[in-house]
């Protein structure tokens, strides 16, 4: 079984919704890194020297390759990334090797066989 790594940079107010939707789309778990900071196409404005930034969370999903694209599209839709600039971004990377995923392989085998 082959895996992909999905990285999603999400506004913290949408993290729980994105996690729930990704799980419903086939993700078996995630790692969340809180309080990330990023800068998009346009630099965020300041107010009296204070930055007006929205906190971001970084979500990491190791998912089976046949489910990866649909989970990625679900993350984009729920995170509303294409609504405007600076809403978030998600990328998919190949995973060459992974350990600690035996429990995922067992539960995903039936799911993947049904979908392909």
PDB file of N, CA and C in Angstrom:
ATOM      1  N   UNK A   1       0.852  -1.174   0.000  1.00  0.00           N
ATOM      2  CA  UNK A   1       0.000   0.000   0.000  1.00  0.00           C
ATOM      3  C   UNK A   1       0.895   1.234   0.000  1.00  0.00           C
ATOM      4  N   UNK A   2       0.515   2.211  -0.808  1.00  0.00           N
ATOM      5  CA  UNK A   2       1.297   3.447  -0.921  1.00  0.00           C
ATOM      6  C   UNK A   2       0.524   4.596  -0.292  1.00  0.00           C
ATOM      7  N   UNK A   3       1.277   5.580   0.196  1.00  0.00           N
ATOM      8  CA  UNK A   3       0.675   6.691   0.911  1.00  0.00           C
ATOM      9  C   UNK A   3       1.091   8.032   0.334  1.00  0.00           C
ATOM     10  N   UNK A   4       0.276   9.031   0.626  1.00  0.00           N
ATOM     11  CA  UNK A   4       0.559  10.426   0.304  1.00  0.00           C
ATOM     12  C   UNK A   4       0.510  11.218   1.608  1.00  0.00           C
ATOM     13  N   UNK A   5       1.250  12.298   1.653  1.00  0.00           N
ATOM     14  CA  UNK A   5       1.195  13.223   2.780  1.00  0.00           C
ATOM     15  C   UNK A   5       0.449  14.456   2.312  1.00  0.00           C
ATOM     16  N   UNK A   6      -0.634  14.771   2.989  1.00  0.00           N
ATOM     17  CA  UNK A   6      -1.375  15.992   2.709  1.00  0.00           C
ATOM     18  C   UNK A   6      -1.023  17.004   3.789  1.00  0.00           C
ATOM     19  N   UNK A   7      -0.600  18.185   3.369  1.00  0.00           N
ATOM     20  CA  UNK A   7      -0.313  19.294   4.275  1.00  0.00           C
ATOM     21  C   UNK A   7      -1.344  20.371   3.999  1.00  0.00           C
ATOM     22  N   UNK A   8      -2.041  20.793   5.020  1.00  0.00           N
ATOM     23  CA  UNK A   8      -3.047  21.843   4.857  1.00  0.00           C
ATOM     24  C   UNK A   8      -2.762  22.953   5.857  1.00  0.00           C
ATOM     25  N   UNK A   9      -2.751  24.180   5.363  1.00  0.00           N
ATOM     26  CA  UNK A   9      -2.565  25.363   6.188  1.00  0.00           C
ATOM     27  C   UNK A   9      -3.927  26.042   6.267  1.00  0.00           C
ATOM     28  N   UNK A  10      -4.539  25.988   7.442  1.00  0.00           N
ATOM     29  CA  UNK A  10      -5.950  26.309   7.620  1.00  0.00           C
ATOM     30  C   UNK A  10      -6.113  27.369   8.696  1.00  0.00           C
ATOM     31  N   UNK A  11      -7.073  28.288   8.496  1.00  0.00           N
ATOM     32  CA  UNK A  11      -7.413  29.221   9.568  1.00  0.00           C
ATOM     33  C   UNK A  11      -7.867  28.414  10.772  1.00  0.00           C
ATOM     34  N   UNK A  12      -7.413  28.805  11.957  1.00  0.00           N
ATOM     35  CA  UNK A  12      -7.708  27.991  13.137  1.00  0.00           C
ATOM     36  C   UNK A  12      -9.200  27.861  13.419  1.00  0.00           C
ATOM     37  N   UNK A  13      -9.995  28.784  12.953  1.00  0.00           N
ATOM     38  CA  UNK A  13     -11.446  28.687  13.162  1.00  0.00           C
ATOM     39  C   UNK A  13     -12.078  27.581  12.310  1.00  0.00           C
ATOM     40  N   UNK A  14     -11.363  27.107  11.299  1.00  0.00           N
ATOM     41  CA  UNK A  14     -11.888  26.065  10.414  1.00  0.00           C
ATOM     42  C   UNK A  14     -11.254  24.696  10.650  1.00  0.00           C
ATOM     43  N   UNK A  15     -10.315  24.613  11.562  1.00  0.00           N
ATOM     44  CA  UNK A  15      -9.568  23.368  11.760  1.00  0.00           C
ATOM     45  C   UNK A  15     -10.476  22.188  12.058  1.00  0.00           C
ATOM     46  N   UNK A  16     -11.353  22.320  13.014  1.00  0.00           N
ATOM     47  CA  UNK A  16     -12.211  21.189  13.392  1.00  0.00           C
ATOM     48  C   UNK A  16     -13.108  20.747  12.249  1.00  0.00           C
ATOM     49  N   UNK A  17     -13.644  21.701  11.493  1.00  0.00           N
ATOM     50  CA  UNK A  17     -14.494  21.349  10.351  1.00  0.00           C
ATOM     51  C   UNK A  17     -13.699  20.598   9.284  1.00  0.00           C
ATOM     52  N   UNK A  18     -12.467  21.055   9.019  1.00  0.00           N
ATOM     53  CA  UNK A  18     -11.623  20.395   8.018  1.00  0.00           C
ATOM     54  C   UNK A  18     -11.246  18.994   8.487  1.00  0.00           C
ATOM     55  N   UNK A  19     -10.899  18.843   9.758  1.00  0.00           N
ATOM     56  CA  UNK A  19     -10.566  17.516  10.291  1.00  0.00           C
ATOM     57  C   UNK A  19     -11.740  16.556  10.168  1.00  0.00           C
ATOM     58  N   UNK A  20     -12.930  17.007  10.532  1.00  0.00           N
ATOM     59  CA  UNK A  20     -14.121  16.156  10.442  1.00  0.00           C
ATOM     60  C   UNK A  20     -14.410  15.757   9.000  1.00  0.00           C
ATOM     61  N   UNK A  21     -14.306  16.713   8.081  1.00  0.00           N
ATOM     62  CA  UNK A  21     -14.585  16.432   6.676  1.00  0.00           C
ATOM     63  C   UNK A  21     -13.541  15.491   6.079  1.00  0.00           C
ATOM     64  N   UNK A  22     -12.281  15.677   6.435  1.00  0.00           N
ATOM     65  CA  UNK A  22     -11.223  14.797   5.925  1.00  0.00           C
ATOM     66  C   UNK A  22     -11.435  13.374   6.418  1.00  0.00           C
ATOM     67  N   UNK A  23     -11.827  13.221   7.671  1.00  0.00           N
ATOM     68  CA  UNK A  23     -12.098  11.880   8.205  1.00  0.00           C
ATOM     69  C   UNK A  23     -13.274  11.248   7.463  1.00  0.00           C
ATOM     70  N   UNK A  24     -14.315  12.022   7.205  1.00  0.00           N
ATOM     71  CA  UNK A  24     -15.471  11.503   6.472  1.00  0.00           C
ATOM     72  C   UNK A  24     -15.089  11.110   5.042  1.00  0.00           C
ATOM     73  N   UNK A  25     -14.072  11.774   4.478  1.00  0.00           N
ATOM     74  CA  UNK A  25     -13.625  11.477   3.118  1.00  0.00           C
ATOM     75  C   UNK A  25     -12.631  10.323   3.056  1.00  0.00           C
ATOM     76  N   UNK A  26     -12.199   9.800   4.227  1.00  0.00           N
ATOM     77  CA  UNK A  26     -11.327   8.640   4.220  1.00  0.00           C
ATOM     78  C   UNK A  26     -10.032   8.766   4.990  1.00  0.00           C
ATOM     79  N   UNK A  27      -9.718   9.940   5.518  1.00  0.00           N
ATOM     80  CA  UNK A  27      -8.502  10.084   6.324  1.00  0.00           C
ATOM     81  C   UNK A  27      -8.689   9.321   7.633  1.00  0.00           C
ATOM     82  N   UNK A  28      -7.636   8.655   8.080  1.00  0.00           N
ATOM     83  CA  UNK A  28      -7.736   7.852   9.295  1.00  0.00           C
ATOM     84  C   UNK A  28      -7.165   8.559  10.510  1.00  0.00           C
ATOM     85  N   UNK A  29      -6.692   9.783  10.347  1.00  0.00           N
ATOM     86  CA  UNK A  29      -6.147  10.550  11.460  1.00  0.00           C
ATOM     87  C   UNK A  29      -5.384  11.741  10.943  1.00  0.00           C
ATOM     88  N   UNK A  30      -4.897  12.557  11.858  1.00  0.00           N
ATOM     89  CA  UNK A  30      -4.156  13.754  11.469  1.00  0.00           C
ATOM     90  C   UNK A  30      -3.283  14.216  12.617  1.00  0.00           C
ATOM     91  N   UNK A  31      -2.294  15.011  12.289  1.00  0.00           N
ATOM     92  CA  UNK A  31      -1.481  15.715  13.271  1.00  0.00           C
ATOM     93  C   UNK A  31      -1.742  17.197  13.064  1.00  0.00           C
ATOM     94  N   UNK A  32      -1.968  17.920  14.154  1.00  0.00           N
ATOM     95  CA  UNK A  32      -2.260  19.346  14.082  1.00  0.00           C
ATOM     96  C   UNK A  32      -1.139  20.116  14.759  1.00  0.00           C
ATOM     97  N   UNK A  33      -0.582  21.075  14.055  1.00  0.00           N
ATOM     98  CA  UNK A  33       0.417  21.986  14.609  1.00  0.00           C
ATOM     99  C   UNK A  33      -0.266  23.345  14.718  1.00  0.00           C
ATOM    100  N   UNK A  34      -0.415  23.826  15.942  1.00  0.00           N
ATOM    101  CA  UNK A  34      -1.152  25.067  16.192  1.00  0.00           C
ATOM    102  C   UNK A  34      -0.269  26.301  16.061  1.00  0.00           C
ATOM    103  N   UNK A  35      -0.942  27.423  15.842  1.00  0.00           N
ATOM    104  CA  UNK A  35      -0.345  28.753  15.883  1.00  0.00           C
ATOM    105  C   UNK A  35       0.784  28.971  14.884  1.00  0.00           C
ATOM    106  N   UNK A  36       0.576  28.509  13.672  1.00  0.00           N
ATOM    107  CA  UNK A  36       1.524  28.793  12.598  1.00  0.00           C
ATOM    108  C   UNK A  36       1.221  30.190  12.064  1.00  0.00           C
ATOM    109  N   UNK A  37       2.165  30.758  11.397  1.00  0.00           N
ATOM    110  CA  UNK A  37       1.983  32.095  10.842  1.00  0.00           C
ATOM    111  C   UNK A  37       2.434  32.042   9.399  1.00  0.00           C
ATOM    112  N   UNK A  38       1.729  32.732   8.537  1.00  0.00           N
ATOM    113  CA  UNK A  38       2.103  32.732   7.130  1.00  0.00           C
ATOM    114  C   UNK A  38       1.837  34.070   6.489  1.00  0.00           C
ATOM    115  N   UNK A  39       2.296  34.186   5.278  1.00  0.00           N
ATOM    116  CA  UNK A  39       2.091  35.421   4.532  1.00  0.00           C
ATOM    117  C   UNK A  39       1.757  35.047   3.105  1.00  0.00           C
ATOM    118  N   UNK A  40       0.691  35.611   2.586  1.00  0.00           N
ATOM    119  CA  UNK A  40       0.234  35.288   1.243  1.00  0.00           C
ATOM    120  C   UNK A  40       0.714  36.278   0.209  1.00  0.00           C
ATOM    121  N   UNK A  41      -0.081  36.424  -0.814  1.00  0.00           N
ATOM    122  CA  UNK A  41       0.238  37.301  -1.928  1.00  0.00           C
ATOM    123  C   UNK A  41       0.422  38.746  -1.476  1.00  0.00           C
ATOM    124  N   UNK A  42      -0.451  39.179  -0.595  1.00  0.00           N
ATOM    125  CA  UNK A  42      -0.370  40.541  -0.069  1.00  0.00           C
ATOM    126  C   UNK A  42      -0.056  40.504   1.414  1.00  0.00           C
ATOM    127  N   UNK A  43       0.824  41.380   1.839  1.00  0.00           N
ATOM    128  CA  UNK A  43       1.177  41.450   3.254  1.00  0.00           C
ATOM    129  C   UNK A  43      -0.019  41.947   4.054  1.00  0.00           C
ATOM    130  N   UNK A  44      -0.236  41.353   5.226  1.00  0.00           N
ATOM    131  CA  UNK A  44      -1.352  41.747   6.084  1.00  0.00           C
ATOM    132  C   UNK A  44      -1.141  43.171   6.592  1.00  0.00           C
ATOM    133  N   UNK A  45      -2.245  43.883   6.761  1.00  0.00           N
ATOM    134  CA  UNK A  45      -2.195  45.251   7.241  1.00  0.00           C
ATOM    135  C   UNK A  45      -1.991  45.281   8.748  1.00  0.00           C
ATOM    136  N   UNK A  46      -1.506  46.403   9.215  1.00  0.00           N
ATOM    137  CA  UNK A  46      -1.326  46.586  10.653  1.00  0.00           C
ATOM    138  C   UNK A  46      -2.209  47.728  11.127  1.00  0.00           C
ATOM    139  N   UNK A  47      -2.464  47.738  12.418  1.00  0.00           N
ATOM    140  CA  UNK A  47      -3.275  48.773  13.043  1.00  0.00           C
ATOM    141  C   UNK A  47      -2.484  49.314  14.222  1.00  0.00           C
ATOM    142  N   UNK A  48      -1.999  50.534  14.095  1.00  0.00           N
ATOM    143  CA  UNK A  48      -1.160  51.146  15.129  1.00  0.00           C
ATOM    144  C   UNK A  48       0.030  50.258  15.496  1.00  0.00           C
ATOM    145  N   UNK A  49       0.644  49.655  14.478  1.00  0.00           N
ATOM    146  CA  UNK A  49       1.816  48.825  14.697  1.00  0.00           C
ATOM    147  C   UNK A  49       1.529  47.391  15.120  1.00  0.00           C
ATOM    148  N   UNK A  50       0.259  47.051  15.326  1.00  0.00           N
ATOM    149  CA  UNK A  50      -0.106  45.683  15.699  1.00  0.00           C
ATOM    150  C   UNK A  50      -0.512  44.908  14.451  1.00  0.00           C
ATOM    151  N   UNK A  51      -0.008  43.708  14.323  1.00  0.00           N
ATOM    152  CA  UNK A  51      -0.368  42.885  13.172  1.00  0.00           C
ATOM    153  C   UNK A  51      -1.792  42.363  13.318  1.00  0.00           C
ATOM    154  N   UNK A  52      -2.536  42.417  12.233  1.00  0.00           N
ATOM    155  CA  UNK A  52      -3.887  41.872  12.193  1.00  0.00           C
ATOM    156  C   UNK A  52      -3.836  40.536  11.463  1.00  0.00           C
ATOM    157  N   UNK A  53      -3.292  39.531  12.120  1.00  0.00           N
ATOM    158  CA  UNK A  53      -3.113  38.225  11.494  1.00  0.00           C
ATOM    159  C   UNK A  53      -4.121  37.233  12.038  1.00  0.00           C
ATOM    160  N   UNK A  54      -4.522  36.337  11.178  1.00  0.00           N
ATOM    161  CA  UNK A  54      -5.357  35.214  11.595  1.00  0.00           C
ATOM    162  C   UNK A  54      -4.417  34.051  11.873  1.00  0.00           C
ATOM    163  N   UNK A  55      -4.593  33.413  13.016  1.00  0.00           N
ATOM    164  CA  UNK A  55      -3.746  32.260  13.327  1.00  0.00           C
ATOM    165  C   UNK A  55      -4.086  31.099  12.393  1.00  0.00           C
ATOM    166  N   UNK A  56      -3.082  30.346  12.062  1.00  0.00           N
ATOM    167  CA  UNK A  56      -3.227  29.193  11.189  1.00  0.00           C
ATOM    168  C   UNK A  56      -2.844  27.936  11.951  1.00  0.00           C
ATOM    169  N   UNK A  57      -3.415  26.855  11.516  1.00  0.00           N
ATOM    170  CA  UNK A  57      -2.995  25.545  11.978  1.00  0.00           C
ATOM    171  C   UNK A  57      -2.454  24.796  10.764  1.00  0.00           C
ATOM    172  N   UNK A  58      -1.467  23.964  10.990  1.00  0.00           N
ATOM    173  CA  UNK A  58      -0.936  23.101   9.950  1.00  0.00           C
ATOM    174  C   UNK A  58      -1.451  21.698  10.246  1.00  0.00           C
ATOM    175  N   UNK A  59      -2.159  21.119   9.291  1.00  0.00           N
ATOM    176  CA  UNK A  59      -2.722  19.782   9.435  1.00  0.00           C
ATOM    177  C   UNK A  59      -1.938  18.834   8.546  1.00  0.00           C
ATOM    178  N   UNK A  60      -1.495  17.729   9.111  1.00  0.00           N
ATOM    179  CA  UNK A  60      -0.748  16.723   8.365  1.00  0.00           C
ATOM    180  C   UNK A  60      -1.541  15.423   8.361  1.00  0.00           C
ATOM    181  N   UNK A  61      -1.783  14.899   7.172  1.00  0.00           N
ATOM    182  CA  UNK A  61      -2.520  13.653   6.999  1.00  0.00           C
ATOM    183  C   UNK A  61      -1.661  12.683   6.200  1.00  0.00           C
ATOM    184  N   UNK A  62      -1.481  11.473   6.687  1.00  0.00           N
ATOM    185  CA  UNK A  62      -0.880  10.408   5.892  1.00  0.00           C
ATOM    186  C   UNK A  62      -2.048   9.551   5.426  1.00  0.00           C
ATOM    187  N   UNK A  63      -2.287   9.552   4.098  1.00  0.00           N
ATOM    188  CA  UNK A  63      -3.475   8.900   3.549  1.00  0.00           C
ATOM    189  C   UNK A  63      -3.087   7.948   2.426  1.00  0.00           C
ATOM    190  N   UNK A  64      -3.942   6.979   2.181  1.00  0.00           N
ATOM    191  CA  UNK A  64      -3.723   6.022   1.091  1.00  0.00           C
ATOM    192  C   UNK A  64      -3.826   6.759  -0.238  1.00  0.00           C
ATOM    193  N   UNK A  65      -2.955   6.428  -1.180  1.00  0.00           N
ATOM    194  CA  UNK A  65      -2.836   7.200  -2.413  1.00  0.00           C
ATOM    195  C   UNK A  65      -4.127   7.271  -3.236  1.00  0.00           C
ATOM    196  N   UNK A  66      -4.946   6.225  -3.230  1.00  0.00           N
ATOM    197  CA  UNK A  66      -6.177   6.237  -4.016  1.00  0.00           C
ATOM    198  C   UNK A  66      -7.239   7.153  -3.412  1.00  0.00           C
ATOM    199  N   UNK A  67      -7.104   7.478  -2.133  1.00  0.00           N
ATOM    200  CA  UNK A  67      -8.057   8.356  -1.457  1.00  0.00           C
ATOM    201  C   UNK A  67      -7.563   9.801  -1.391  1.00  0.00           C
ATOM    202  N   UNK A  68      -6.292  10.009  -1.704  1.00  0.00           N
ATOM    203  CA  UNK A  68      -5.643  11.299  -1.465  1.00  0.00           C
ATOM    204  C   UNK A  68      -6.316  12.464  -2.193  1.00  0.00           C
ATOM    205  N   UNK A  69      -6.603  12.308  -3.467  1.00  0.00           N
ATOM    206  CA  UNK A  69      -7.152  13.430  -4.241  1.00  0.00           C
ATOM    207  C   UNK A  69      -8.526  13.840  -3.720  1.00  0.00           C
ATOM    208  N   UNK A  70      -9.377  12.898  -3.411  1.00  0.00           N
ATOM    209  CA  UNK A  70     -10.710  13.255  -2.926  1.00  0.00           C
ATOM    210  C   UNK A  70     -10.635  13.899  -1.543  1.00  0.00           C
ATOM    211  N   UNK A  71      -9.715  13.442  -0.700  1.00  0.00           N
ATOM    212  CA  UNK A  71      -9.534  14.084   0.607  1.00  0.00           C
ATOM    213  C   UNK A  71      -8.998  15.497   0.421  1.00  0.00           C
ATOM    214  N   UNK A  72      -8.047  15.674  -0.484  1.00  0.00           N
ATOM    215  CA  UNK A  72      -7.486  17.004  -0.768  1.00  0.00           C
ATOM    216  C   UNK A  72      -8.575  17.965  -1.241  1.00  0.00           C
ATOM    217  N   UNK A  73      -9.434  17.503  -2.151  1.00  0.00           N
ATOM    218  CA  UNK A  73     -10.524  18.352  -2.644  1.00  0.00           C
ATOM    219  C   UNK A  73     -11.521  18.677  -1.541  1.00  0.00           C
ATOM    220  N   UNK A  74     -11.773  17.735  -0.648  1.00  0.00           N
ATOM    221  CA  UNK A  74     -12.668  17.981   0.483  1.00  0.00           C
ATOM    222  C   UNK A  74     -12.084  19.035   1.410  1.00  0.00           C
ATOM    223  N   UNK A  75     -10.795  18.938   1.686  1.00  0.00           N
ATOM    224  CA  UNK A  75     -10.115  19.926   2.533  1.00  0.00           C
ATOM    225  C   UNK A  75     -10.244  21.316   1.923  1.00  0.00           C
ATOM    226  N   UNK A  76     -10.034  21.416   0.627  1.00  0.00           N
ATOM    227  CA  UNK A  76     -10.133  22.717  -0.067  1.00  0.00           C
ATOM    228  C   UNK A  76     -11.539  23.278   0.029  1.00  0.00           C
ATOM    229  N   UNK A  77     -12.519  22.430  -0.182  1.00  0.00           N
ATOM    230  CA  UNK A  77     -13.914  22.882  -0.174  1.00  0.00           C
ATOM    231  C   UNK A  77     -14.346  23.365   1.220  1.00  0.00           C
ATOM    232  N   UNK A  78     -14.078  22.577   2.231  1.00  0.00           N
ATOM    233  CA  UNK A  78     -14.490  22.931   3.589  1.00  0.00           C
ATOM    234  C   UNK A  78     -13.670  24.107   4.125  1.00  0.00           C
ATOM    235  N   UNK A  79     -12.390  24.143   3.768  1.00  0.00           N
ATOM    236  CA  UNK A  79     -11.532  25.257   4.192  1.00  0.00           C
ATOM    237  C   UNK A  79     -11.763  26.536   3.419  1.00  0.00           C
ATOM    238  N   UNK A  80     -12.541  26.457   2.334  1.00  0.00           N
ATOM    239  CA  UNK A  80     -12.869  27.607   1.480  1.00  0.00           C
ATOM    240  C   UNK A  80     -11.616  28.323   0.985  1.00  0.00           C
ATOM    241  N   UNK A  81     -10.627  27.545   0.533  1.00  0.00           N
ATOM    242  CA  UNK A  81      -9.353  28.107   0.117  1.00  0.00           C
ATOM    243  C   UNK A  81      -9.461  29.002  -1.116  1.00  0.00           C
ATOM    244  N   UNK A  82     -10.378  28.682  -2.020  1.00  0.00           N
ATOM    245  CA  UNK A  82     -10.506  29.467  -3.242  1.00  0.00           C
ATOM    246  C   UNK A  82     -11.482  30.627  -3.108  1.00  0.00           C
ATOM    247  N   UNK A  83     -11.955  30.880  -1.896  1.00  0.00           N
ATOM    248  CA  UNK A  83     -12.879  31.996  -1.662  1.00  0.00           C
ATOM    249  C   UNK A  83     -12.193  33.337  -1.867  1.00  0.00           C
ATOM    250  N   UNK A  84     -10.929  33.416  -1.533  1.00  0.00           N
ATOM    251  CA  UNK A  84     -10.159  34.647  -1.689  1.00  0.00           C
ATOM    252  C   UNK A  84      -8.710  34.393  -1.348  1.00  0.00           C
ATOM    253  N   UNK A  85      -7.889  35.430  -1.452  1.00  0.00           N
ATOM    254  CA  UNK A  85      -6.478  35.255  -1.142  1.00  0.00           C
ATOM    255  C   UNK A  85      -6.274  35.104   0.360  1.00  0.00           C
ATOM    256  N   UNK A  86      -5.296  34.314   0.723  1.00  0.00           N
ATOM    257  CA  UNK A  86      -4.942  34.142   2.119  1.00  0.00           C
ATOM    258  C   UNK A  86      -5.868  33.257   2.925  1.00  0.00           C
ATOM    259  N   UNK A  87      -6.741  32.497   2.271  1.00  0.00           N
ATOM    260  CA  UNK A  87      -7.695  31.642   2.992  1.00  0.00           C
ATOM    261  C   UNK A  87      -7.075  30.320   3.431  1.00  0.00           C
ATOM    262  N   UNK A  88      -6.060  29.870   2.746  1.00  0.00           N
ATOM    263  CA  UNK A  88      -5.405  28.619   3.099  1.00  0.00           C
ATOM    264  C   UNK A  88      -4.892  27.919   1.859  1.00  0.00           C
ATOM    265  N   UNK A  89      -4.142  26.872   2.090  1.00  0.00           N
ATOM    266  CA  UNK A  89      -3.563  26.110   0.990  1.00  0.00           C
ATOM    267  C   UNK A  89      -3.376  24.668   1.447  1.00  0.00           C
ATOM    268  N   UNK A  90      -3.460  23.743   0.521  1.00  0.00           N
ATOM    269  CA  UNK A  90      -3.192  22.339   0.822  1.00  0.00           C
ATOM    270  C   UNK A  90      -2.372  21.754  -0.317  1.00  0.00           C
ATOM    271  N   UNK A  91      -1.428  20.899   0.022  1.00  0.00           N
ATOM    272  CA  UNK A  91      -0.577  20.259  -0.978  1.00  0.00           C
ATOM    273  C   UNK A  91      -0.504  18.771  -0.694  1.00  0.00           C
ATOM    274  N   UNK A  92      -0.134  18.032  -1.726  1.00  0.00           N
ATOM    275  CA  UNK A  92      -0.012  16.574  -1.640  1.00  0.00           C
ATOM    276  C   UNK A  92       1.410  16.192  -2.021  1.00  0.00           C
ATOM    277  N   UNK A  93       2.046  15.368  -1.202  1.00  0.00           N
ATOM    278  CA  UNK A  93       3.413  14.915  -1.465  1.00  0.00           C
ATOM    279  C   UNK A  93       3.462  13.396  -1.423  1.00  0.00           C
ATOM    280  N   UNK A  94       4.330  12.803  -2.243  1.00  0.00           N
ATOM    281  CA  UNK A  94       4.530  11.359  -2.210  1.00  0.00           C
ATOM    282  C   UNK A  94       5.270  10.974  -0.934  1.00  0.00           C
ATOM    283  N   UNK A  95       4.874   9.874  -0.345  1.00  0.00           N
ATOM    284  CA  UNK A  95       5.571   9.310   0.810  1.00  0.00           C
ATOM    285  C   UNK A  95       6.345   8.105   0.306  1.00  0.00           C
ATOM    286  N   UNK A  96       7.670   8.180   0.403  1.00  0.00           N
ATOM    287  CA  UNK A  96       8.494   7.085  -0.087  1.00  0.00           C
ATOM    288  C   UNK A  96       8.400   5.862   0.813  1.00  0.00           C
ATOM    289  N   UNK A  97       8.359   6.094   2.110  1.00  0.00           N
ATOM    290  CA  UNK A  97       8.304   4.990   3.059  1.00  0.00           C
ATOM    291  C   UNK A  97       7.686   5.504   4.348  1.00  0.00           C
ATOM    292  N   UNK A  98       7.053   4.621   5.098  1.00  0.00           N
ATOM    293  CA  UNK A  98       6.435   5.022   6.365  1.00  0.00           C
ATOM    294  C   UNK A  98       6.423   3.836   7.314  1.00  0.00           C
ATOM    295  N   UNK A  99       6.572   4.135   8.595  1.00  0.00           N
ATOM    296  CA  UNK A  99       6.432   3.119   9.632  1.00  0.00           C
ATOM    297  C   UNK A  99       5.360   3.601  10.598  1.00  0.00           C
ATOM    298  N   UNK A 100       4.802   2.680  11.343  1.00  0.00           N
ATOM    299  CA  UNK A 100       3.755   3.043  12.293  1.00  0.00           C
ATOM    300  C   UNK A 100       2.387   3.176  11.661  1.00  0.00           C
ATOM    301  N   UNK A 101       2.217   2.621  10.465  1.00  0.00           N
ATOM    302  CA  UNK A 101       0.937   2.729   9.767  1.00  0.00           C
ATOM    303  C   UNK A 101       0.257   1.371   9.563  1.00  0.00           C
ATOM    304  N   UNK A 102       0.714   0.355  10.284  1.00  0.00           N
ATOM    305  CA  UNK A 102       0.149  -0.987  10.117  1.00  0.00           C
ATOM    306  C   UNK A 102      -1.344  -1.002  10.413  1.00  0.00           C
ATOM    307  N   UNK A 103      -1.771  -0.257  11.417  1.00  0.00           N
ATOM    308  CA  UNK A 103      -3.196  -0.211  11.750  1.00  0.00           C
ATOM    309  C   UNK A 103      -4.006   0.453  10.636  1.00  0.00           C
ATOM    310  N   UNK A 104      -3.409   1.417   9.936  1.00  0.00           N
ATOM    311  CA  UNK A 104      -4.095   2.052   8.811  1.00  0.00           C
ATOM    312  C   UNK A 104      -4.227   1.084   7.649  1.00  0.00           C
ATOM    313  N   UNK A 105      -3.169   0.336   7.368  1.00  0.00           N
ATOM    314  CA  UNK A 105      -3.200  -0.613   6.255  1.00  0.00           C
ATOM    315  C   UNK A 105      -4.323  -1.613   6.468  1.00  0.00           C
ATOM    316  N   UNK A 106      -4.439  -2.105   7.673  1.00  0.00           N
ATOM    317  CA  UNK A 106      -5.476  -3.092   7.984  1.00  0.00           C
ATOM    318  C   UNK A 106      -6.880  -2.534   7.754  1.00  0.00           C
ATOM    319  N   UNK A 107      -7.138  -1.322   8.232  1.00  0.00           N
ATOM    320  CA  UNK A 107      -8.484  -0.752   8.099  1.00  0.00           C
ATOM    321  C   UNK A 107      -8.755  -0.212   6.697  1.00  0.00           C
ATOM    322  N   UNK A 108      -7.716   0.186   5.973  1.00  0.00           N
ATOM    323  CA  UNK A 108      -7.913   0.777   4.648  1.00  0.00           C
ATOM    324  C   UNK A 108      -8.010  -0.236   3.520  1.00  0.00           C
ATOM    325  N   UNK A 109      -7.519  -1.438   3.723  1.00  0.00           N
ATOM    326  CA  UNK A 109      -7.498  -2.434   2.649  1.00  0.00           C
ATOM    327  C   UNK A 109      -8.884  -2.642   2.053  1.00  0.00           C
ATOM    328  N   UNK A 110      -9.892  -2.831   2.869  1.00  0.00           N
ATOM    329  CA  UNK A 110     -11.248  -3.047   2.376  1.00  0.00           C
ATOM    330  C   UNK A 110     -11.807  -1.800   1.691  1.00  0.00           C
ATOM    331  N   UNK A 111     -11.545  -0.657   2.282  1.00  0.00           N
ATOM    332  CA  UNK A 111     -12.057   0.602   1.714  1.00  0.00           C
ATOM    333  C   UNK A 111     -11.496   0.847   0.335  1.00  0.00           C
ATOM    334  N   UNK A 112     -10.188   0.649   0.175  1.00  0.00           N
ATOM    335  CA  UNK A 112      -9.538   0.889  -1.108  1.00  0.00           C
ATOM    336  C   UNK A 112     -10.006  -0.118  -2.141  1.00  0.00           C
ATOM    337  N   UNK A 113     -10.142  -1.363  -1.762  1.00  0.00           N
ATOM    338  CA  UNK A 113     -10.613  -2.388  -2.700  1.00  0.00           C
ATOM    339  C   UNK A 113     -12.002  -2.065  -3.229  1.00  0.00           C
ATOM    340  N   UNK A 114     -12.861  -1.511  -2.379  1.00  0.00           N
ATOM    341  CA  UNK A 114     -14.215  -1.134  -2.808  1.00  0.00           C
ATOM    342  C   UNK A 114     -14.200   0.032  -3.787  1.00  0.00           C
ATOM    343  N   UNK A 115     -13.256   0.951  -3.613  1.00  0.00           N
ATOM    344  CA  UNK A 115     -13.236   2.159  -4.448  1.00  0.00           C
ATOM    345  C   UNK A 115     -12.522   1.971  -5.766  1.00  0.00           C
ATOM    346  N   UNK A 116     -11.623   0.977  -5.865  1.00  0.00           N
ATOM    347  CA  UNK A 116     -10.907   0.802  -7.142  1.00  0.00           C
ATOM    348  C   UNK A 116     -11.340  -0.414  -7.885  1.00  0.00           C
TER     349      UNK A 116
END
